[in-house]
Protein backbone atom coordinates (compact mmCIF):
# COMPACT_ATOMS: atom_id res chain seq x y z
CA MET A 1 121.48 61.49 60.43
CA ASN A 2 118.41 63.80 59.44
CA ILE A 3 118.56 63.79 55.68
CA ILE A 4 115.99 65.67 53.98
CA THR A 5 115.51 64.88 50.14
CA ILE A 6 114.09 67.29 47.56
CA TYR A 7 112.16 65.72 44.42
CA HIS A 8 111.17 68.09 41.65
CA ARG A 9 108.40 67.24 39.56
CA VAL A 10 109.11 67.12 35.93
CA ALA A 11 106.32 68.52 33.77
CA ASP A 12 106.07 68.75 29.97
CA GLU A 13 104.70 72.15 30.02
CA GLY A 14 106.75 73.55 32.69
CA ILE A 15 105.95 74.11 36.27
CA GLY A 16 102.45 75.16 37.07
CA TRP A 17 99.89 74.84 39.53
CA ASP A 18 99.17 71.13 39.00
CA GLU A 19 99.57 69.23 42.15
CA TYR A 20 101.62 65.77 42.57
CA SER A 21 99.56 62.76 41.63
CA ALA A 22 100.59 59.24 41.23
CA GLY A 23 102.14 58.68 37.72
CA ASP A 24 103.82 61.96 37.82
CA THR A 25 107.74 61.81 37.18
CA LEU A 26 109.74 62.96 39.97
CA GLU A 27 113.57 63.75 39.47
CA THR A 28 115.99 63.72 42.60
CA ALA A 29 116.97 67.39 42.81
CA TYR A 30 119.28 67.27 45.90
CA ALA A 31 119.64 66.18 49.59
CA TYR A 32 120.98 67.74 52.64
CA VAL A 33 121.39 67.24 56.50
CA ASP A 34 119.01 69.24 58.72
CA GLU A 35 120.00 69.21 62.40
CA GLU A 36 116.40 70.87 63.31
CA TRP A 37 114.56 67.75 62.61
CA ASN A 38 113.15 66.43 65.96
CA GLU A 39 111.87 62.76 65.57
CA GLU A 40 109.44 62.79 68.62
CA VAL A 41 107.73 65.97 67.36
CA ASP A 42 108.05 66.52 63.65
CA SER A 43 107.05 62.83 62.75
CA VAL A 44 104.04 63.15 64.64
CA ASP A 45 102.90 66.66 63.32
CA PRO A 46 105.31 67.67 60.55
CA ALA A 47 103.45 70.75 59.55
CA ALA A 48 105.93 73.36 61.46
CA PHE A 49 109.04 71.57 59.92
CA LEU A 50 107.58 71.63 56.53
CA SER A 51 107.12 75.12 56.67
CA THR A 52 110.83 75.73 57.55
CA VAL A 53 111.86 73.28 54.52
CA TYR A 54 109.74 75.43 52.58
CA ARG A 55 111.36 78.56 53.34
CA GLN A 56 114.85 77.11 53.34
CA ASN A 57 114.31 75.87 49.75
CA ASN A 58 112.87 78.89 48.08
CA ALA A 59 114.98 81.72 46.48
CA VAL A 60 114.73 84.90 48.25
CA ASP A 61 117.92 86.51 49.30
CA GLY A 62 120.29 84.04 47.75
CA THR A 63 121.39 82.20 51.14
CA GLU A 64 118.67 79.36 50.47
CA ILE A 65 119.88 75.62 50.25
CA ASN A 66 118.43 75.71 46.54
CA VAL A 67 120.27 78.52 45.39
CA GLN A 68 123.62 77.28 46.86
CA LYS A 69 123.10 73.96 45.03
CA SER A 70 121.93 75.77 41.87
CA LYS A 71 118.56 74.18 41.54
CA ARG A 72 114.96 75.84 41.32
CA SER A 73 112.86 76.67 44.24
CA LEU A 74 110.29 74.21 45.52
CA SER A 75 107.15 74.34 43.65
CA VAL A 76 103.55 73.03 43.63
CA GLY A 77 103.79 69.18 42.94
CA ASP A 78 107.34 68.76 44.08
CA VAL A 79 107.95 66.13 46.90
CA VAL A 80 109.95 66.04 50.04
CA GLY A 81 111.25 63.22 51.79
CA LEU A 82 111.84 63.34 55.50
CA PRO A 83 114.18 61.53 57.78
CA ASP A 84 111.10 59.25 59.15
CA SER A 85 110.84 57.90 55.54
CA THR A 86 107.51 59.80 55.01
CA TYR A 87 106.99 62.03 51.84
CA TRP A 88 105.14 65.01 51.50
CA THR A 89 104.15 67.13 48.18
CA VAL A 90 103.75 70.98 48.02
CA LEU A 91 99.91 71.57 47.39
CA ARG A 92 98.59 75.03 46.41
CA LEU A 93 97.90 75.57 50.03
CA GLY A 94 100.02 73.70 52.43
CA TRP A 95 101.28 69.97 52.27
CA GLY A 96 99.91 66.53 51.36
CA PRO A 97 101.13 63.13 52.40
CA VAL A 98 102.46 61.00 49.38
CA ASP A 99 102.65 57.17 49.34
CA GLU A 100 106.37 56.06 49.38
CA ILE A 101 105.65 53.54 46.65
CA ASP A 102 104.23 56.13 44.34
CA VAL A 103 107.24 58.27 44.94
CA GLY A 104 109.55 55.35 44.10
CA LEU A 105 107.71 54.48 41.05
CA SER A 106 107.79 58.13 39.92
CA ILE A 107 111.53 58.87 40.17
CA THR A 108 113.54 59.04 37.18
CA VAL A 109 117.06 57.34 36.90
CA GLU A 110 119.50 60.17 36.36
CA PRO A 111 123.27 59.91 36.49
CA TYR A 112 124.41 60.41 40.08
CA GLU A 113 125.44 64.06 41.28
CA ALA A 114 127.66 64.68 43.97
CA ASP A 115 125.27 67.05 45.68
CA GLY A 116 124.10 64.92 48.70
CA GLY A 117 126.11 66.94 51.19
CA LEU A 118 129.31 66.16 52.92
CA CYS A 119 130.12 62.67 54.28
CA PRO A 120 129.51 62.97 58.00
CA ARG A 121 132.68 60.54 58.60
CA CYS A 122 135.29 62.58 56.99
CA ALA A 123 133.43 65.87 56.50
CA SER A 124 135.64 66.32 53.15
CA LYS A 125 134.10 64.32 50.18
CA ALA A 126 130.52 64.66 48.83
CA LEU A 127 127.83 62.01 48.92
CA VAL A 128 126.19 61.13 45.71
CA VAL A 129 122.18 61.41 45.20
CA PRO A 130 120.35 59.46 46.04
CA VAL A 131 121.92 59.29 49.32
CA ASN A 132 121.29 55.67 49.87
CA HIS A 133 123.52 54.83 46.96
CA ASN A 134 126.51 55.68 49.04
CA ALA A 135 128.08 53.05 51.57
CA LEU A 136 126.18 52.36 54.75
CA SER A 137 128.17 53.00 57.84
CA ARG A 138 129.15 50.02 59.81
CA THR A 139 128.51 51.77 62.75
CA CYS A 140 124.60 51.62 62.33
CA ARG A 141 123.96 47.84 61.62
CA GLU A 142 122.04 46.98 64.37
CA PRO A 143 118.11 46.52 64.06
CA GLY A 144 116.46 49.84 64.85
CA ASP A 145 119.52 52.05 64.13
CA THR A 146 119.14 54.98 61.87
CA HIS A 147 120.85 54.53 58.55
CA VAL A 148 123.85 56.69 57.96
CA TYR A 149 125.49 56.83 54.78
CA VAL A 150 129.08 57.60 54.38
CA CYS A 151 131.33 58.28 51.07
CA ASP A 152 132.87 55.26 49.31
CA SER A 153 136.17 55.95 50.61
CA CYS A 154 134.98 55.99 54.35
CA GLY A 155 132.98 52.95 53.66
CA GLU A 156 136.17 51.14 52.48
CA GLU A 157 138.14 52.31 55.52
CA GLU A 158 135.12 51.18 57.85
CA ALA A 159 135.21 47.70 56.25
CA TRP A 160 139.12 47.37 57.19
CA GLN A 161 138.37 48.75 60.55
CA ASP A 162 135.50 46.29 61.00
CA TRP A 163 137.51 43.16 60.13
CA SER A 164 140.31 44.36 62.49
CA GLY A 165 138.33 45.20 65.59
CA GLY A 166 135.65 47.71 64.83
CA ALA A 167 134.70 50.99 62.95
CA THR A 168 135.32 54.36 64.53
CA PRO A 169 132.16 55.15 66.42
CA GLN A 170 130.16 58.16 65.22
CA GLU A 171 131.07 60.04 68.56
CA GLN A 172 134.67 60.23 67.28
CA TRP A 173 133.54 61.81 63.80
CA PRO A 174 134.61 63.58 61.69
CA VAL A 175 137.90 61.49 61.29
CA VAL A 176 140.87 63.60 60.45
CA GLU A 177 143.39 60.65 59.81
CA GLY A 178 142.44 57.76 57.49
CA TYR A 179 142.72 54.35 58.57
CA GLU A 180 145.90 52.63 57.33
CA SER A 181 145.37 48.85 56.23
CA PRO A 182 148.49 46.66 57.05
CA PHE A 183 147.59 45.12 53.86
CA ARG A 184 147.50 48.13 51.68
CA LEU A 185 150.61 49.08 49.73
CA SER A 186 152.19 52.48 49.68
CA ASP A 187 152.40 54.61 46.63
CA GLU A 188 156.38 53.72 46.23
CA GLU A 189 155.54 49.96 46.67
CA MET A 190 153.03 50.27 44.09
CA LEU A 191 155.46 52.21 41.77
CA GLN A 192 158.09 49.56 42.26
CA ILE A 193 155.63 46.70 41.08
CA GLU A 194 154.53 48.64 38.17
CA ASP A 195 158.31 49.34 37.29
CA ARG A 196 159.05 45.43 37.36
CA SER A 197 156.19 44.72 34.98
C-alpha cells in the first residue's frame, strides 16, 4: 500500500518562509493512499513524484486532497513521508531530504483523527492517523512484505481467520461480508445473558 503522510510544521509566528530544520515541531496533518507511486522509479528519483504530491495538496480549485480533508495547503517547512520510508521537506525552491529520526523527534502527539483514508480490507471504515496505529494486516507478516494497515474491526476478523486457517488474501479485498467467528455470540444471545444478570 502506497501511503503518503503529510506533516505540517507548527510555527509560533504562523507559517512563513522558514525551512524545516531539526528541532522544529511537526504535527501529523493527514495520510492518503497514492496508487501512482512506483517504487522502482520514485524511490530512486522522487522529484517528479513530489511535484505531483505538491500539486495534489495545494488548494486551487477545491478538488485537492488537503481541501477534502479540511487542512491547509503544503507550505515551506512542511514534511512529506513517502512509502519507501523517506521524508522530504518543502523548500523555498524544491524539496530537501529529512532524516527519519529528526521527523520522529519533531512530531507532536495529538489525539488520533480518523482521516487516514479508508481501510483497504473493508473499504468502509476510516483509518486513524498516524496510520501505523491501526492493525497491521496478517497478510503481510513475512520479512520483506510491505506493511498494510487495516481498521481495528478488520484486524480482529483477520486474527480469528488466522487462528482458524488463514486471513483473506489481499487479492480478495475489499471484503464484503465479515468473518463470523464460531465463538462470537449473536446480539440475541448477548441480550439473553444480560437479561439473566
